[in-house]
Amino acid sequence: MDIFFPKILRGLKRGPAVIIPKDFGMIVAYSGIGKKSVVVDAGSGSGFLAIALGNIAKSVTSYEWREDFAKLSEENVKRADLKNVKIKNKSIFDGIEETGVDLVTLDLADSEKAVGLAFNALNETGVLAGYLPHSQQVAKFVEECNKAGFKQTITLECIVRNYLVRESGFRPENIGLMHTAYLVFAYK
């Protein structure tokens, strides 16, 4: 099954795994970000999420502790021709410098350890989005969200199933894009 990527993400270089459109769409929908939103992203990887968010939001600052991934993300931001996306070669665990942000996304190992930092960086109606591949990570993440003082958390999974449409009829394809990660949204 081929994954469709919107135009802004086509032609970018891939290194580590990327957040694909089905999950990105959920982040946009459940966070409510728009053209006035300020976003902090952690775990840049290849920069796909930062770029997709930057195509919508006012500004995106993306933290990446690995120098090679930070360079790849910076190159991809240049390819996407976005001036409102900044890549910081810094660990999110060393602190979030930005304050009053609308959305913080965490897509990295041990992301539950950055929940308190995210809470402090968010404005009074801010949203935290965790991208977590394993259920054990979800349990730790939600526990930290509760400790930090978030008022509500929800956990979702998005599964995409394509359909064959032919003159003789239509039916589901035999394969689909199933589990990629759980998405946890925490609301202040």
C-alpha atoms as a PDB file:
ATOM      1  CA  MET A   1       0.000   0.000   0.000  1.00  0.00           C
ATOM      2  CA  ASP A   2       1.441   3.367  -1.017  1.00  0.00           C
ATOM      3  CA  ILE A   3       1.238   6.207   1.470  1.00  0.00           C
ATOM      4  CA  PHE A   4      -0.003   9.470   0.048  1.00  0.00           C
ATOM      5  CA  PHE A   5       1.952  12.536   1.146  1.00  0.00           C
ATOM      6  CA  PRO A   6       0.759  16.102   0.556  1.00  0.00           C
ATOM      7  CA  LYS A   7       2.781  18.221  -1.863  1.00  0.00           C
ATOM      8  CA  ILE A   8       4.787  20.026   0.839  1.00  0.00           C
ATOM      9  CA  LEU A   9       6.218  16.691   2.076  1.00  0.00           C
ATOM     10  CA  ARG A  10       6.987  15.157  -1.308  1.00  0.00           C
ATOM     11  CA  GLY A  11      10.639  15.273  -2.289  1.00  0.00           C
ATOM     12  CA  LEU A  12      11.900  15.554   1.283  1.00  0.00           C
ATOM     13  CA  LYS A  13      14.680  13.235   2.443  1.00  0.00           C
ATOM     14  CA  ARG A  14      13.762  10.552   4.955  1.00  0.00           C
ATOM     15  CA  GLY A  15      16.024   9.372   7.722  1.00  0.00           C
ATOM     16  CA  PRO A  16      14.254   8.132  10.830  1.00  0.00           C
ATOM     17  CA  ALA A  17      10.585   7.142  10.736  1.00  0.00           C
ATOM     18  CA  VAL A  18       8.160   9.982  10.005  1.00  0.00           C
ATOM     19  CA  ILE A  19       4.691  10.850  11.226  1.00  0.00           C
ATOM     20  CA  ILE A  20       2.448  10.152   8.258  1.00  0.00           C
ATOM     21  CA  PRO A  21      -0.578  12.181   7.121  1.00  0.00           C
ATOM     22  CA  LYS A  22      -3.223  10.073   8.904  1.00  0.00           C
ATOM     23  CA  ASP A  23      -1.638  10.822  12.283  1.00  0.00           C
ATOM     24  CA  PHE A  24      -0.679  14.396  11.407  1.00  0.00           C
ATOM     25  CA  GLY A  25      -4.308  15.060  10.504  1.00  0.00           C
ATOM     26  CA  MET A  26      -5.415  13.809  13.901  1.00  0.00           C
ATOM     27  CA  ILE A  27      -2.910  16.123  15.615  1.00  0.00           C
ATOM     28  CA  VAL A  28      -4.258  19.116  13.705  1.00  0.00           C
ATOM     29  CA  ALA A  29      -7.889  18.156  14.290  1.00  0.00           C
ATOM     30  CA  TYR A  30      -7.628  17.437  18.006  1.00  0.00           C
ATOM     31  CA  SER A  31      -5.288  20.325  18.851  1.00  0.00           C
ATOM     32  CA  GLY A  32      -7.191  22.934  16.867  1.00  0.00           C
ATOM     33  CA  ILE A  33      -4.070  24.702  15.653  1.00  0.00           C
ATOM     34  CA  GLY A  34      -4.340  27.358  12.978  1.00  0.00           C
ATOM     35  CA  LYS A  35      -2.521  30.250  11.349  1.00  0.00           C
ATOM     36  CA  LYS A  36      -2.026  32.119  14.660  1.00  0.00           C
ATOM     37  CA  SER A  37      -0.719  29.085  16.588  1.00  0.00           C
ATOM     38  CA  VAL A  38       2.734  28.780  18.107  1.00  0.00           C
ATOM     39  CA  VAL A  39       4.016  25.210  18.244  1.00  0.00           C
ATOM     40  CA  VAL A  40       6.886  23.363  19.912  1.00  0.00           C
ATOM     41  CA  ASP A  41       7.771  19.953  18.479  1.00  0.00           C
ATOM     42  CA  ALA A  42      10.201  17.513  20.038  1.00  0.00           C
ATOM     43  CA  GLY A  43      11.873  14.653  18.254  1.00  0.00           C
ATOM     44  CA  SER A  44      12.322  16.306  14.847  1.00  0.00           C
ATOM     45  CA  GLY A  45      13.694  13.199  13.184  1.00  0.00           C
ATOM     46  CA  SER A  46      13.369  13.968   9.470  1.00  0.00           C
ATOM     47  CA  GLY A  47      11.355  17.132  10.138  1.00  0.00           C
ATOM     48  CA  PHE A  48       8.135  15.965   8.466  1.00  0.00           C
ATOM     49  CA  LEU A  49       5.847  16.842  11.390  1.00  0.00           C
ATOM     50  CA  ALA A  50       7.519  20.219  11.973  1.00  0.00           C
ATOM     51  CA  ILE A  51       7.131  21.049   8.276  1.00  0.00           C
ATOM     52  CA  ALA A  52       3.513  19.898   8.102  1.00  0.00           C
ATOM     53  CA  LEU A  53       2.711  21.927  11.238  1.00  0.00           C
ATOM     54  CA  GLY A  54       4.659  24.908   9.874  1.00  0.00           C
ATOM     55  CA  ASN A  55       2.501  24.846   6.768  1.00  0.00           C
ATOM     56  CA  ILE A  56      -0.468  25.642   9.056  1.00  0.00           C
ATOM     57  CA  ALA A  57       0.844  27.383  12.172  1.00  0.00           C
ATOM     58  CA  LYS A  58       2.356  30.823  12.711  1.00  0.00           C
ATOM     59  CA  SER A  59       5.620  29.330  13.988  1.00  0.00           C
ATOM     60  CA  VAL A  60       7.153  25.966  14.868  1.00  0.00           C
ATOM     61  CA  THR A  61      10.259  25.318  16.940  1.00  0.00           C
ATOM     62  CA  SER A  62      11.420  21.723  16.757  1.00  0.00           C
ATOM     63  CA  TYR A  63      13.919  20.190  19.190  1.00  0.00           C
ATOM     64  CA  GLU A  64      16.228  17.374  18.077  1.00  0.00           C
ATOM     65  CA  TRP A  65      19.134  16.183  20.220  1.00  0.00           C
ATOM     66  CA  ARG A  66      20.859  14.145  17.471  1.00  0.00           C
ATOM     67  CA  GLU A  67      23.016  16.375  15.310  1.00  0.00           C
ATOM     68  CA  ASP A  68      22.572  14.245  12.168  1.00  0.00           C
ATOM     69  CA  PHE A  69      18.769  14.302  12.473  1.00  0.00           C
ATOM     70  CA  ALA A  70      18.784  18.048  13.223  1.00  0.00           C
ATOM     71  CA  LYS A  71      20.807  18.674  10.037  1.00  0.00           C
ATOM     72  CA  LEU A  72      18.461  16.497   7.986  1.00  0.00           C
ATOM     73  CA  SER A  73      15.453  18.348   9.404  1.00  0.00           C
ATOM     74  CA  GLU A  74      17.030  21.728   8.637  1.00  0.00           C
ATOM     75  CA  GLU A  75      17.729  20.630   5.050  1.00  0.00           C
ATOM     76  CA  ASN A  76      14.116  19.470   4.679  1.00  0.00           C
ATOM     77  CA  VAL A  77      12.800  22.767   6.060  1.00  0.00           C
ATOM     78  CA  LYS A  78      14.864  24.556   3.385  1.00  0.00           C
ATOM     79  CA  ARG A  79      13.482  22.204   0.709  1.00  0.00           C
ATOM     80  CA  ALA A  80       9.946  23.000   1.899  1.00  0.00           C
ATOM     81  CA  ASP A  81      10.813  26.722   1.771  1.00  0.00           C
ATOM     82  CA  LEU A  82       9.318  27.504   5.180  1.00  0.00           C
ATOM     83  CA  LYS A  83      10.680  30.505   7.070  1.00  0.00           C
ATOM     84  CA  ASN A  84       8.531  29.940  10.176  1.00  0.00           C
ATOM     85  CA  VAL A  85      10.076  26.575  11.180  1.00  0.00           C
ATOM     86  CA  LYS A  86      13.200  26.527  13.336  1.00  0.00           C
ATOM     87  CA  ILE A  87      15.151  23.376  14.208  1.00  0.00           C
ATOM     88  CA  LYS A  88      17.079  23.412  17.489  1.00  0.00           C
ATOM     89  CA  ASN A  89      19.861  20.883  17.953  1.00  0.00           C
ATOM     90  CA  LYS A  90      19.033  20.502  21.643  1.00  0.00           C
ATOM     91  CA  SER A  91      17.427  17.924  23.905  1.00  0.00           C
ATOM     92  CA  ILE A  92      13.892  18.783  25.015  1.00  0.00           C
ATOM     93  CA  PHE A  93      14.816  17.241  28.376  1.00  0.00           C
ATOM     94  CA  ASP A  94      17.161  20.192  28.976  1.00  0.00           C
ATOM     95  CA  GLY A  95      14.131  22.494  29.011  1.00  0.00           C
ATOM     96  CA  ILE A  96      11.730  24.270  26.694  1.00  0.00           C
ATOM     97  CA  GLU A  97      12.732  27.890  26.160  1.00  0.00           C
ATOM     98  CA  GLU A  98       9.440  28.930  24.509  1.00  0.00           C
ATOM     99  CA  THR A  99       6.456  29.906  26.670  1.00  0.00           C
ATOM    100  CA  GLY A 100       2.797  30.601  26.000  1.00  0.00           C
ATOM    101  CA  VAL A 101       2.644  28.067  23.174  1.00  0.00           C
ATOM    102  CA  ASP A 102      -0.550  26.570  21.786  1.00  0.00           C
ATOM    103  CA  LEU A 103       0.693  23.040  21.064  1.00  0.00           C
ATOM    104  CA  VAL A 104       3.596  20.847  22.153  1.00  0.00           C
ATOM    105  CA  THR A 105       4.156  17.574  20.295  1.00  0.00           C
ATOM    106  CA  LEU A 106       6.358  14.848  21.753  1.00  0.00           C
ATOM    107  CA  ASP A 107       7.591  12.076  19.455  1.00  0.00           C
ATOM    108  CA  LEU A 108      10.624  10.614  21.164  1.00  0.00           C
ATOM    109  CA  ALA A 109      11.709   7.885  23.556  1.00  0.00           C
ATOM    110  CA  ASP A 110      10.886   8.566  27.209  1.00  0.00           C
ATOM    111  CA  SER A 111       8.564  11.393  26.193  1.00  0.00           C
ATOM    112  CA  GLU A 112       6.715  11.086  29.499  1.00  0.00           C
ATOM    113  CA  LYS A 113       9.767  12.714  31.094  1.00  0.00           C
ATOM    114  CA  ALA A 114       9.036  15.926  29.136  1.00  0.00           C
ATOM    115  CA  VAL A 115       5.335  16.187  30.060  1.00  0.00           C
ATOM    116  CA  GLY A 116       5.956  18.612  32.961  1.00  0.00           C
ATOM    117  CA  LEU A 117       8.151  20.783  30.758  1.00  0.00           C
ATOM    118  CA  ALA A 118       5.443  20.828  28.100  1.00  0.00           C
ATOM    119  CA  PHE A 119       2.781  21.766  30.656  1.00  0.00           C
ATOM    120  CA  ASN A 120       4.860  24.769  31.748  1.00  0.00           C
ATOM    121  CA  ALA A 121       5.495  25.892  28.146  1.00  0.00           C
ATOM    122  CA  LEU A 122       1.826  25.793  27.142  1.00  0.00           C
ATOM    123  CA  ASN A 123      -0.562  28.726  27.421  1.00  0.00           C
ATOM    124  CA  GLU A 124      -3.723  28.410  29.556  1.00  0.00           C
ATOM    125  CA  THR A 125      -5.633  26.574  26.793  1.00  0.00           C
ATOM    126  CA  GLY A 126      -2.668  24.729  25.299  1.00  0.00           C
ATOM    127  CA  VAL A 127      -2.615  21.134  24.127  1.00  0.00           C
ATOM    128  CA  LEU A 128       0.025  18.433  24.459  1.00  0.00           C
ATOM    129  CA  ALA A 129       0.110  15.694  21.805  1.00  0.00           C
ATOM    130  CA  GLY A 130       2.105  12.538  22.451  1.00  0.00           C
ATOM    131  CA  TYR A 131       2.951  10.151  19.609  1.00  0.00           C
ATOM    132  CA  LEU A 132       3.518   6.783  21.285  1.00  0.00           C
ATOM    133  CA  PRO A 133       4.048   3.459  19.465  1.00  0.00           C
ATOM    134  CA  HIS A 134       3.527   1.156  22.494  1.00  0.00           C
ATOM    135  CA  SER A 135       0.697   0.825  25.003  1.00  0.00           C
ATOM    136  CA  GLN A 136       3.151   0.758  27.924  1.00  0.00           C
ATOM    137  CA  GLN A 137       4.351   4.205  26.856  1.00  0.00           C
ATOM    138  CA  VAL A 138       0.749   5.455  26.811  1.00  0.00           C
ATOM    139  CA  ALA A 139       0.196   4.381  30.422  1.00  0.00           C
ATOM    140  CA  LYS A 140       3.332   6.223  31.608  1.00  0.00           C
ATOM    141  CA  PHE A 141       2.536   9.277  29.497  1.00  0.00           C
ATOM    142  CA  VAL A 142      -1.054   9.622  30.737  1.00  0.00           C
ATOM    143  CA  GLU A 143       0.074   9.147  34.344  1.00  0.00           C
ATOM    144  CA  GLU A 144       2.546  12.023  33.929  1.00  0.00           C
ATOM    145  CA  CYS A 145      -0.143  14.167  32.282  1.00  0.00           C
ATOM    146  CA  ASN A 146      -2.371  13.634  35.310  1.00  0.00           C
ATOM    147  CA  LYS A 147       0.473  14.472  37.706  1.00  0.00           C
ATOM    148  CA  ALA A 148       1.318  17.629  35.740  1.00  0.00           C
ATOM    149  CA  GLY A 149      -2.218  18.976  36.096  1.00  0.00           C
ATOM    150  CA  PHE A 150      -3.777  18.516  32.675  1.00  0.00           C
ATOM    151  CA  LYS A 151      -7.586  18.641  32.987  1.00  0.00           C
ATOM    152  CA  GLN A 152      -8.383  16.023  30.367  1.00  0.00           C
ATOM    153  CA  THR A 153      -6.548  13.377  28.355  1.00  0.00           C
ATOM    154  CA  ILE A 154      -7.786  11.268  25.489  1.00  0.00           C
ATOM    155  CA  THR A 155      -6.022   8.413  23.697  1.00  0.00           C
ATOM    156  CA  LEU A 156      -6.775   7.590  20.065  1.00  0.00           C
ATOM    157  CA  GLU A 157      -5.525   5.377  17.288  1.00  0.00           C
ATOM    158  CA  CYS A 158      -6.115   6.085  13.610  1.00  0.00           C
ATOM    159  CA  ILE A 159      -6.408   3.160  11.215  1.00  0.00           C
ATOM    160  CA  VAL A 160      -6.760   3.766   7.477  1.00  0.00           C
ATOM    161  CA  ARG A 161      -8.309   1.239   5.139  1.00  0.00           C
ATOM    162  CA  ASN A 162      -8.323   1.866   1.393  1.00  0.00           C
ATOM    163  CA  TYR A 163     -11.035   0.591  -0.924  1.00  0.00           C
ATOM    164  CA  LEU A 164     -10.881  -0.820  -4.439  1.00  0.00           C
ATOM    165  CA  VAL A 165     -13.459   0.908  -6.622  1.00  0.00           C
ATOM    166  CA  ARG A 166     -14.113  -0.881  -9.919  1.00  0.00           C
ATOM    167  CA  GLU A 167     -16.879  -1.197 -12.430  1.00  0.00           C
ATOM    168  CA  SER A 168     -17.690  -4.651 -11.038  1.00  0.00           C
ATOM    169  CA  GLY A 169     -18.132  -3.261  -7.520  1.00  0.00           C
ATOM    170  CA  PHE A 170     -16.113  -1.958  -4.653  1.00  0.00           C
ATOM    171  CA  ARG A 171     -14.646  -3.600  -1.569  1.00  0.00           C
ATOM    172  CA  PRO A 172     -11.914  -3.063   1.032  1.00  0.00           C
ATOM    173  CA  GLU A 173      -8.353  -3.757  -0.045  1.00  0.00           C
ATOM    174  CA  ASN A 174      -6.759  -6.800   1.542  1.00  0.00           C
ATOM    175  CA  ILE A 175      -4.179  -4.692   3.310  1.00  0.00           C
ATOM    176  CA  GLY A 176      -4.333  -1.403   5.126  1.00  0.00           C
ATOM    177  CA  LEU A 177      -2.306   1.109   7.034  1.00  0.00           C
ATOM    178  CA  MET A 178      -2.986  -0.131  10.502  1.00  0.00           C
ATOM    179  CA  HIS A 179      -1.203   0.735  13.748  1.00  0.00           C
ATOM    180  CA  THR A 180       1.509   3.371  13.581  1.00  0.00           C
ATOM    181  CA  ALA A 181       1.158   4.860  17.065  1.00  0.00           C
ATOM    182  CA  TYR A 182      -1.255   5.872  19.775  1.00  0.00           C
ATOM    183  CA  LEU A 183      -2.000   9.560  19.993  1.00  0.00           C
ATOM    184  CA  VAL A 184      -2.516  11.027  23.450  1.00  0.00           C
ATOM    185  CA  PHE A 185      -3.961  14.524  23.701  1.00  0.00           C
ATOM    186  CA  ALA A 186      -3.742  16.339  27.030  1.00  0.00           C
ATOM    187  CA  TYR A 187      -5.670  19.554  27.532  1.00  0.00           C
ATOM    188  CA  LYS A 188      -4.825  22.253  30.096  1.00  0.00           C
END
